[in-house]
Structure formats: structure tokens, C-alpha cells
Amino acid sequence: MGGMSLFHWLIVIIVVLIVFGPSRLPNLGKSLGQAIRGFKKGLDETTDGLDGEETRKEAPQRLESAERVVKEEVKQSTKEEA
């Protein structure tokens, strides 16, 4: 019930061919591959940044620093609007 059968995949392929046409499929595949690769790279960088005990200790400090910056930016933008 949750999986897709061969029949469902054939319907999806036919719809994609009708919508995008056979000439645009290589570019579509390339763009999709680049998007997936970029997503995986960003995910890996994020998880690499969270590894190690030192990073875990620094995380609250970075969060507080970012919070201060955001608060200052909000104050500046509200002053400029007034």
C-alpha cells in the first residue's frame, strides 16, 4: 500500500515525458542531480560541524552571540522606521 509498483512508475515516467518532453529530460536530470548533491554536501557540512566535544561546548556561546546580533539588528531597523 505504501510502495509504488512498476505500473505506478510507468505512469510517472509517461507523465514526466509528456510534461517536460524528451529533449529537456537530460537537463532536468542534471539539475536534479546537482540539487541532490548540493543538499547532501550541505547536510554533511552541518553534521561535520556538530562533531566533537569542543563544538558542543561552543554551540551555546555561538547561539548567544547570534541572538545578540539579531536583537541589535531589530533595534536598528525599528529605530530607522521610527
PDB file of N, CA and C in Angstrom:
ATOM      1  N   MET A   1       0.817  -1.187   0.000  1.00  0.00           N
ATOM      2  CA  MET A   1       0.000   0.000   0.000  1.00  0.00           C
ATOM      3  C   MET A   1       0.867   1.259   0.000  1.00  0.00           C
ATOM      4  N   GLY A   2       1.996   1.242   0.723  1.00  0.00           N
ATOM      5  CA  GLY A   2       2.835   2.422   0.811  1.00  0.00           C
ATOM      6  C   GLY A   2       3.848   2.524  -0.318  1.00  0.00           C
ATOM      7  N   GLY A   3       4.182   1.373  -0.957  1.00  0.00           N
ATOM      8  CA  GLY A   3       5.185   1.386  -2.009  1.00  0.00           C
ATOM      9  C   GLY A   3       4.578   1.641  -3.373  1.00  0.00           C
ATOM     10  N   MET A   4       5.465   1.907  -4.328  1.00  0.00           N
ATOM     11  CA  MET A   4       4.995   2.138  -5.689  1.00  0.00           C
ATOM     12  C   MET A   4       5.328   0.917  -6.532  1.00  0.00           C
ATOM     13  N   SER A   5       4.353   0.427  -7.264  1.00  0.00           N
ATOM     14  CA  SER A   5       4.553  -0.732  -8.123  1.00  0.00           C
ATOM     15  C   SER A   5       5.141  -0.286  -9.459  1.00  0.00           C
ATOM     16  N   LEU A   6       5.471  -1.256 -10.281  1.00  0.00           N
ATOM     17  CA  LEU A   6       6.006  -0.975 -11.609  1.00  0.00           C
ATOM     18  C   LEU A   6       5.009  -0.165 -12.433  1.00  0.00           C
ATOM     19  N   PHE A   7       3.748  -0.473 -12.305  1.00  0.00           N
ATOM     20  CA  PHE A   7       2.702   0.252 -13.025  1.00  0.00           C
ATOM     21  C   PHE A   7       2.698   1.733 -12.638  1.00  0.00           C
ATOM     22  N   HIS A   8       2.824   2.019 -11.343  1.00  0.00           N
ATOM     23  CA  HIS A   8       2.851   3.414 -10.886  1.00  0.00           C
ATOM     24  C   HIS A   8       4.064   4.151 -11.456  1.00  0.00           C
ATOM     25  N   TRP A   9       5.232   3.489 -11.464  1.00  0.00           N
ATOM     26  CA  TRP A   9       6.438   4.122 -12.004  1.00  0.00           C
ATOM     27  C   TRP A   9       6.283   4.403 -13.499  1.00  0.00           C
ATOM     28  N   LEU A  10       5.663   3.486 -14.228  1.00  0.00           N
ATOM     29  CA  LEU A  10       5.444   3.719 -15.658  1.00  0.00           C
ATOM     30  C   LEU A  10       4.548   4.927 -15.890  1.00  0.00           C
ATOM     31  N   ILE A  11       3.520   5.075 -15.095  1.00  0.00           N
ATOM     32  CA  ILE A  11       2.636   6.240 -15.221  1.00  0.00           C
ATOM     33  C   ILE A  11       3.403   7.522 -14.916  1.00  0.00           C
ATOM     34  N   VAL A  12       4.228   7.502 -13.885  1.00  0.00           N
ATOM     35  CA  VAL A  12       5.026   8.685 -13.540  1.00  0.00           C
ATOM     36  C   VAL A  12       5.962   9.037 -14.689  1.00  0.00           C
ATOM     37  N   ILE A  13       6.627   8.052 -15.273  1.00  0.00           N
ATOM     38  CA  ILE A  13       7.548   8.303 -16.385  1.00  0.00           C
ATOM     39  C   ILE A  13       6.802   8.874 -17.587  1.00  0.00           C
ATOM     40  N   ILE A  14       5.642   8.345 -17.892  1.00  0.00           N
ATOM     41  CA  ILE A  14       4.847   8.847 -19.022  1.00  0.00           C
ATOM     42  C   ILE A  14       4.422  10.294 -18.783  1.00  0.00           C
ATOM     43  N   VAL A  15       3.979  10.602 -17.588  1.00  0.00           N
ATOM     44  CA  VAL A  15       3.573  11.979 -17.272  1.00  0.00           C
ATOM     45  C   VAL A  15       4.767  12.920 -17.378  1.00  0.00           C
ATOM     46  N   VAL A  16       5.924  12.506 -16.876  1.00  0.00           N
ATOM     47  CA  VAL A  16       7.123  13.350 -16.963  1.00  0.00           C
ATOM     48  C   VAL A  16       7.499  13.582 -18.415  1.00  0.00           C
ATOM     49  N   LEU A  17       7.437  12.548 -19.242  1.00  0.00           N
ATOM     50  CA  LEU A  17       7.739  12.713 -20.668  1.00  0.00           C
ATOM     51  C   LEU A  17       6.765  13.669 -21.341  1.00  0.00           C
ATOM     52  N   ILE A  18       5.499  13.587 -20.991  1.00  0.00           N
ATOM     53  CA  ILE A  18       4.501  14.479 -21.589  1.00  0.00           C
ATOM     54  C   ILE A  18       4.723  15.916 -21.138  1.00  0.00           C
ATOM     55  N   VAL A  19       4.984  16.109 -19.857  1.00  0.00           N
ATOM     56  CA  VAL A  19       5.123  17.467 -19.320  1.00  0.00           C
ATOM     57  C   VAL A  19       6.419  18.116 -19.785  1.00  0.00           C
ATOM     58  N   PHE A  20       7.534  17.418 -19.672  1.00  0.00           N
ATOM     59  CA  PHE A  20       8.829  18.031 -19.960  1.00  0.00           C
ATOM     60  C   PHE A  20       9.334  17.751 -21.362  1.00  0.00           C
ATOM     61  N   GLY A  21       8.895  16.707 -21.978  1.00  0.00           N
ATOM     62  CA  GLY A  21       9.363  16.356 -23.306  1.00  0.00           C
ATOM     63  C   GLY A  21      10.709  15.660 -23.243  1.00  0.00           C
ATOM     64  N   PRO A  22      10.991  14.822 -24.236  1.00  0.00           N
ATOM     65  CA  PRO A  22      12.237  14.053 -24.211  1.00  0.00           C
ATOM     66  C   PRO A  22      13.487  14.912 -24.379  1.00  0.00           C
ATOM     67  N   SER A  23      13.371  16.077 -24.986  1.00  0.00           N
ATOM     68  CA  SER A  23      14.560  16.909 -25.203  1.00  0.00           C
ATOM     69  C   SER A  23      15.031  17.599 -23.925  1.00  0.00           C
ATOM     70  N   ARG A  24      14.125  17.835 -22.983  1.00  0.00           N
ATOM     71  CA  ARG A  24      14.504  18.531 -21.747  1.00  0.00           C
ATOM     72  C   ARG A  24      14.847  17.580 -20.608  1.00  0.00           C
ATOM     73  N   LEU A  25      14.643  16.290 -20.793  1.00  0.00           N
ATOM     74  CA  LEU A  25      14.910  15.329 -19.722  1.00  0.00           C
ATOM     75  C   LEU A  25      16.376  15.287 -19.288  1.00  0.00           C
ATOM     76  N   PRO A  26      17.363  15.316 -20.204  1.00  0.00           N
ATOM     77  CA  PRO A  26      18.754  15.305 -19.733  1.00  0.00           C
ATOM     78  C   PRO A  26      19.082  16.511 -18.846  1.00  0.00           C
ATOM     79  N   ASN A  27      18.607  17.692 -19.234  1.00  0.00           N
ATOM     80  CA  ASN A  27      18.854  18.881 -18.410  1.00  0.00           C
ATOM     81  C   ASN A  27      18.133  18.787 -17.076  1.00  0.00           C
ATOM     82  N   LEU A  28      16.934  18.241 -17.091  1.00  0.00           N
ATOM     83  CA  LEU A  28      16.173  18.065 -15.860  1.00  0.00           C
ATOM     84  C   LEU A  28      16.887  17.098 -14.922  1.00  0.00           C
ATOM     85  N   GLY A  29      17.388  15.998 -15.471  1.00  0.00           N
ATOM     86  CA  GLY A  29      18.134  15.032 -14.665  1.00  0.00           C
ATOM     87  C   GLY A  29      19.403  15.628 -14.098  1.00  0.00           C
ATOM     88  N   LYS A  30      20.097  16.416 -14.908  1.00  0.00           N
ATOM     89  CA  LYS A  30      21.328  17.061 -14.453  1.00  0.00           C
ATOM     90  C   LYS A  30      21.026  18.041 -13.323  1.00  0.00           C
ATOM     91  N   SER A  31      20.001  18.847 -13.486  1.00  0.00           N
ATOM     92  CA  SER A  31      19.631  19.815 -12.448  1.00  0.00           C
ATOM     93  C   SER A  31      19.207  19.118 -11.164  1.00  0.00           C
ATOM     94  N   LEU A  32      18.459  18.050 -11.299  1.00  0.00           N
ATOM     95  CA  LEU A  32      18.029  17.294 -10.121  1.00  0.00           C
ATOM     96  C   LEU A  32      19.228  16.675  -9.411  1.00  0.00           C
ATOM     97  N   GLY A  33      20.155  16.129 -10.174  1.00  0.00           N
ATOM     98  CA  GLY A  33      21.366  15.555  -9.586  1.00  0.00           C
ATOM     99  C   GLY A  33      22.195  16.598  -8.856  1.00  0.00           C
ATOM    100  N   GLN A  34      22.340  17.784  -9.445  1.00  0.00           N
ATOM    101  CA  GLN A  34      23.088  18.861  -8.793  1.00  0.00           C
ATOM    102  C   GLN A  34      22.398  19.311  -7.518  1.00  0.00           C
ATOM    103  N   ALA A  35      21.082  19.373  -7.539  1.00  0.00           N
ATOM    104  CA  ALA A  35      20.347  19.785  -6.342  1.00  0.00           C
ATOM    105  C   ALA A  35      20.518  18.764  -5.221  1.00  0.00           C
ATOM    106  N   ILE A  36      20.431  17.494  -5.558  1.00  0.00           N
ATOM    107  CA  ILE A  36      20.606  16.446  -4.545  1.00  0.00           C
ATOM    108  C   ILE A  36      22.033  16.467  -4.011  1.00  0.00           C
ATOM    109  N   ARG A  37      23.010  16.627  -4.894  1.00  0.00           N
ATOM    110  CA  ARG A  37      24.411  16.688  -4.480  1.00  0.00           C
ATOM    111  C   ARG A  37      24.651  17.880  -3.556  1.00  0.00           C
ATOM    112  N   GLY A  38      24.087  19.028  -3.887  1.00  0.00           N
ATOM    113  CA  GLY A  38      24.234  20.213  -3.042  1.00  0.00           C
ATOM    114  C   GLY A  38      23.589  20.028  -1.685  1.00  0.00           C
ATOM    115  N   PHE A  39      22.421  19.386  -1.666  1.00  0.00           N
ATOM    116  CA  PHE A  39      21.740  19.122  -0.403  1.00  0.00           C
ATOM    117  C   PHE A  39      22.574  18.198   0.473  1.00  0.00           C
ATOM    118  N   LYS A  40      23.109  17.133  -0.115  1.00  0.00           N
ATOM    119  CA  LYS A  40      23.932  16.190   0.648  1.00  0.00           C
ATOM    120  C   LYS A  40      25.202  16.862   1.157  1.00  0.00           C
ATOM    121  N   LYS A  41      25.805  17.716   0.334  1.00  0.00           N
ATOM    122  CA  LYS A  41      27.020  18.412   0.752  1.00  0.00           C
ATOM    123  C   LYS A  41      26.722  19.325   1.935  1.00  0.00           C
ATOM    124  N   GLY A  42      25.632  20.059   1.873  1.00  0.00           N
ATOM    125  CA  GLY A  42      25.247  20.931   2.981  1.00  0.00           C
ATOM    126  C   GLY A  42      24.940  20.147   4.236  1.00  0.00           C
ATOM    127  N   LEU A  43      24.292  19.011   4.080  1.00  0.00           N
ATOM    128  CA  LEU A  43      23.984  18.155   5.222  1.00  0.00           C
ATOM    129  C   LEU A  43      25.258  17.606   5.845  1.00  0.00           C
ATOM    130  N   ASP A  44      26.205  17.184   5.001  1.00  0.00           N
ATOM    131  CA  ASP A  44      27.481  16.682   5.515  1.00  0.00           C
ATOM    132  C   ASP A  44      28.257  17.772   6.240  1.00  0.00           C
ATOM    133  N   GLU A  45      28.258  18.987   5.690  1.00  0.00           N
ATOM    134  CA  GLU A  45      28.963  20.090   6.345  1.00  0.00           C
ATOM    135  C   GLU A  45      28.338  20.409   7.697  1.00  0.00           C
ATOM    136  N   THR A  46      27.031  20.326   7.763  1.00  0.00           N
ATOM    137  CA  THR A  46      26.342  20.603   9.021  1.00  0.00           C
ATOM    138  C   THR A  46      26.675  19.549  10.061  1.00  0.00           C
ATOM    139  N   THR A  47      26.638  18.282   9.673  1.00  0.00           N
ATOM    140  CA  THR A  47      26.938  17.225  10.635  1.00  0.00           C
ATOM    141  C   THR A  47      28.410  17.219  11.004  1.00  0.00           C
ATOM    142  N   ASP A  48      29.294  17.570  10.061  1.00  0.00           N
ATOM    143  CA  ASP A  48      30.715  17.667  10.387  1.00  0.00           C
ATOM    144  C   ASP A  48      30.954  18.783  11.389  1.00  0.00           C
ATOM    145  N   GLY A  49      30.216  19.860  11.261  1.00  0.00           N
ATOM    146  CA  GLY A  49      30.365  20.980  12.179  1.00  0.00           C
ATOM    147  C   GLY A  49      29.878  20.653  13.574  1.00  0.00           C
ATOM    148  N   LEU A  50      29.024  19.657  13.701  1.00  0.00           N
ATOM    149  CA  LEU A  50      28.492  19.299  15.014  1.00  0.00           C
ATOM    150  C   LEU A  50      29.299  18.204  15.699  1.00  0.00           C
ATOM    151  N   ASP A  51      30.281  17.635  15.009  1.00  0.00           N
ATOM    152  CA  ASP A  51      31.091  16.579  15.604  1.00  0.00           C
ATOM    153  C   ASP A  51      32.084  17.158  16.597  1.00  0.00           C
ATOM    154  N   GLY A  52      32.409  16.387  17.596  1.00  0.00           N
ATOM    155  CA  GLY A  52      33.439  16.767  18.554  1.00  0.00           C
ATOM    156  C   GLY A  52      32.878  17.461  19.776  1.00  0.00           C
ATOM    157  N   GLU A  53      33.536  17.232  20.886  1.00  0.00           N
ATOM    158  CA  GLU A  53      33.102  17.809  22.159  1.00  0.00           C
ATOM    159  C   GLU A  53      33.316  19.321  22.187  1.00  0.00           C
ATOM    160  N   GLU A  54      34.387  19.784  21.574  1.00  0.00           N
ATOM    161  CA  GLU A  54      34.688  21.220  21.582  1.00  0.00           C
ATOM    162  C   GLU A  54      33.565  22.011  20.910  1.00  0.00           C
ATOM    163  N   THR A  55      33.056  21.502  19.810  1.00  0.00           N
ATOM    164  CA  THR A  55      31.979  22.191  19.106  1.00  0.00           C
ATOM    165  C   THR A  55      30.715  22.225  19.947  1.00  0.00           C
ATOM    166  N   ARG A  56      30.449  21.162  20.670  1.00  0.00           N
ATOM    167  CA  ARG A  56      29.261  21.136  21.525  1.00  0.00           C
ATOM    168  C   ARG A  56      29.361  22.173  22.629  1.00  0.00           C
ATOM    169  N   LYS A  57      30.560  22.420  23.102  1.00  0.00           N
ATOM    170  CA  LYS A  57      30.745  23.427  24.152  1.00  0.00           C
ATOM    171  C   LYS A  57      30.606  24.835  23.578  1.00  0.00           C
ATOM    172  N   GLU A  58      31.018  25.001  22.326  1.00  0.00           N
ATOM    173  CA  GLU A  58      30.970  26.321  21.699  1.00  0.00           C
ATOM    174  C   GLU A  58      29.571  26.682  21.209  1.00  0.00           C
ATOM    175  N   ALA A  59      28.724  25.714  20.980  1.00  0.00           N
ATOM    176  CA  ALA A  59      27.403  25.965  20.395  1.00  0.00           C
ATOM    177  C   ALA A  59      26.571  26.956  21.200  1.00  0.00           C
ATOM    178  N   PRO A  60      26.462  26.832  22.535  1.00  0.00           N
ATOM    179  CA  PRO A  60      25.665  27.819  23.272  1.00  0.00           C
ATOM    180  C   PRO A  60      26.231  29.235  23.164  1.00  0.00           C
ATOM    181  N   GLN A  61      27.552  29.352  23.139  1.00  0.00           N
ATOM    182  CA  GLN A  61      28.167  30.676  23.003  1.00  0.00           C
ATOM    183  C   GLN A  61      27.851  31.276  21.640  1.00  0.00           C
ATOM    184  N   ARG A  62      27.922  30.462  20.612  1.00  0.00           N
ATOM    185  CA  ARG A  62      27.604  30.955  19.274  1.00  0.00           C
ATOM    186  C   ARG A  62      26.139  31.360  19.180  1.00  0.00           C
ATOM    187  N   LEU A  63      25.280  30.582  19.811  1.00  0.00           N
ATOM    188  CA  LEU A  63      23.855  30.894  19.803  1.00  0.00           C
ATOM    189  C   LEU A  63      23.582  32.217  20.506  1.00  0.00           C
ATOM    190  N   GLU A  64      24.224  32.432  21.648  1.00  0.00           N
ATOM    191  CA  GLU A  64      24.050  33.700  22.371  1.00  0.00           C
ATOM    192  C   GLU A  64      24.579  34.863  21.546  1.00  0.00           C
ATOM    193  N   SER A  65      25.707  34.661  20.883  1.00  0.00           N
ATOM    194  CA  SER A  65      26.275  35.711  20.041  1.00  0.00           C
ATOM    195  C   SER A  65      25.329  36.040  18.881  1.00  0.00           C
ATOM    196  N   ALA A  66      24.784  35.018  18.255  1.00  0.00           N
ATOM    197  CA  ALA A  66      23.843  35.242  17.154  1.00  0.00           C
ATOM    198  C   ALA A  66      22.587  35.937  17.650  1.00  0.00           C
ATOM    199  N   GLU A  67      22.141  35.576  18.853  1.00  0.00           N
ATOM    200  CA  GLU A  67      20.954  36.207  19.430  1.00  0.00           C
ATOM    201  C   GLU A  67      21.199  37.696  19.662  1.00  0.00           C
ATOM    202  N   ARG A  68      22.383  38.040  20.163  1.00  0.00           N
ATOM    203  CA  ARG A  68      22.714  39.456  20.375  1.00  0.00           C
ATOM    204  C   ARG A  68      22.716  40.220  19.057  1.00  0.00           C
ATOM    205  N   VAL A  69      23.298  39.620  18.034  1.00  0.00           N
ATOM    206  CA  VAL A  69      23.360  40.280  16.728  1.00  0.00           C
ATOM    207  C   VAL A  69      21.955  40.515  16.186  1.00  0.00           C
ATOM    208  N   VAL A  70      21.091  39.516  16.303  1.00  0.00           N
ATOM    209  CA  VAL A  70      19.719  39.658  15.805  1.00  0.00           C
ATOM    210  C   VAL A  70      18.987  40.747  16.574  1.00  0.00           C
ATOM    211  N   LYS A  71      19.147  40.772  17.890  1.00  0.00           N
ATOM    212  CA  LYS A  71      18.482  41.800  18.691  1.00  0.00           C
ATOM    213  C   LYS A  71      18.967  43.190  18.306  1.00  0.00           C
ATOM    214  N   GLU A  72      20.276  43.341  18.076  1.00  0.00           N
ATOM    215  CA  GLU A  72      20.814  44.637  17.663  1.00  0.00           C
ATOM    216  C   GLU A  72      20.259  45.052  16.307  1.00  0.00           C
ATOM    217  N   GLU A  73      20.165  44.093  15.379  1.00  0.00           N
ATOM    218  CA  GLU A  73      19.622  44.398  14.058  1.00  0.00           C
ATOM    219  C   GLU A  73      18.156  44.816  14.150  1.00  0.00           C
ATOM    220  N   VAL A  74      17.395  44.164  15.009  1.00  0.00           N
ATOM    221  CA  VAL A  74      15.987  44.525  15.186  1.00  0.00           C
ATOM    222  C   VAL A  74      15.881  45.928  15.761  1.00  0.00           C
ATOM    223  N   LYS A  75      16.721  46.241  16.749  1.00  0.00           N
ATOM    224  CA  LYS A  75      16.709  47.590  17.328  1.00  0.00           C
ATOM    225  C   LYS A  75      17.036  48.632  16.272  1.00  0.00           C
ATOM    226  N   GLN A  76      18.052  48.354  15.455  1.00  0.00           N
ATOM    227  CA  GLN A  76      18.447  49.303  14.416  1.00  0.00           C
ATOM    228  C   GLN A  76      17.325  49.498  13.395  1.00  0.00           C
ATOM    229  N   SER A  77      16.694  48.411  13.003  1.00  0.00           N
ATOM    230  CA  SER A  77      15.640  48.539  11.989  1.00  0.00           C
ATOM    231  C   SER A  77      14.416  49.256  12.544  1.00  0.00           C
ATOM    232  N   THR A  78      14.102  49.058  13.824  1.00  0.00           N
ATOM    233  CA  THR A  78      12.957  49.768  14.402  1.00  0.00           C
ATOM    234  C   THR A  78      13.277  51.245  14.586  1.00  0.00           C
ATOM    235  N   LYS A  79      14.532  51.579  14.883  1.00  0.00           N
ATOM    236  CA  LYS A  79      14.923  52.987  15.008  1.00  0.00           C
ATOM    237  C   LYS A  79      14.840  53.681  13.655  1.00  0.00           C
ATOM    238  N   GLU A  80      15.255  52.983  12.596  1.00  0.00           N
ATOM    239  CA  GLU A  80      15.223  53.570  11.261  1.00  0.00           C
ATOM    240  C   GLU A  80      13.791  53.779  10.781  1.00  0.00           C
ATOM    241  N   GLU A  81      12.875  52.913  11.170  1.00  0.00           N
ATOM    242  CA  GLU A  81      11.482  53.043  10.756  1.00  0.00           C
ATOM    243  C   GLU A  81      10.784  54.183  11.480  1.00  0.00           C
ATOM    244  N   ALA A  82      11.211  54.466  12.709  1.00  0.00           N
ATOM    245  CA  ALA A  82      10.540  55.492  13.516  1.00  0.00           C
ATOM    246  C   ALA A  82      10.897  56.885  13.095  1.00  0.00           C
TER     247      ALA A  82
END
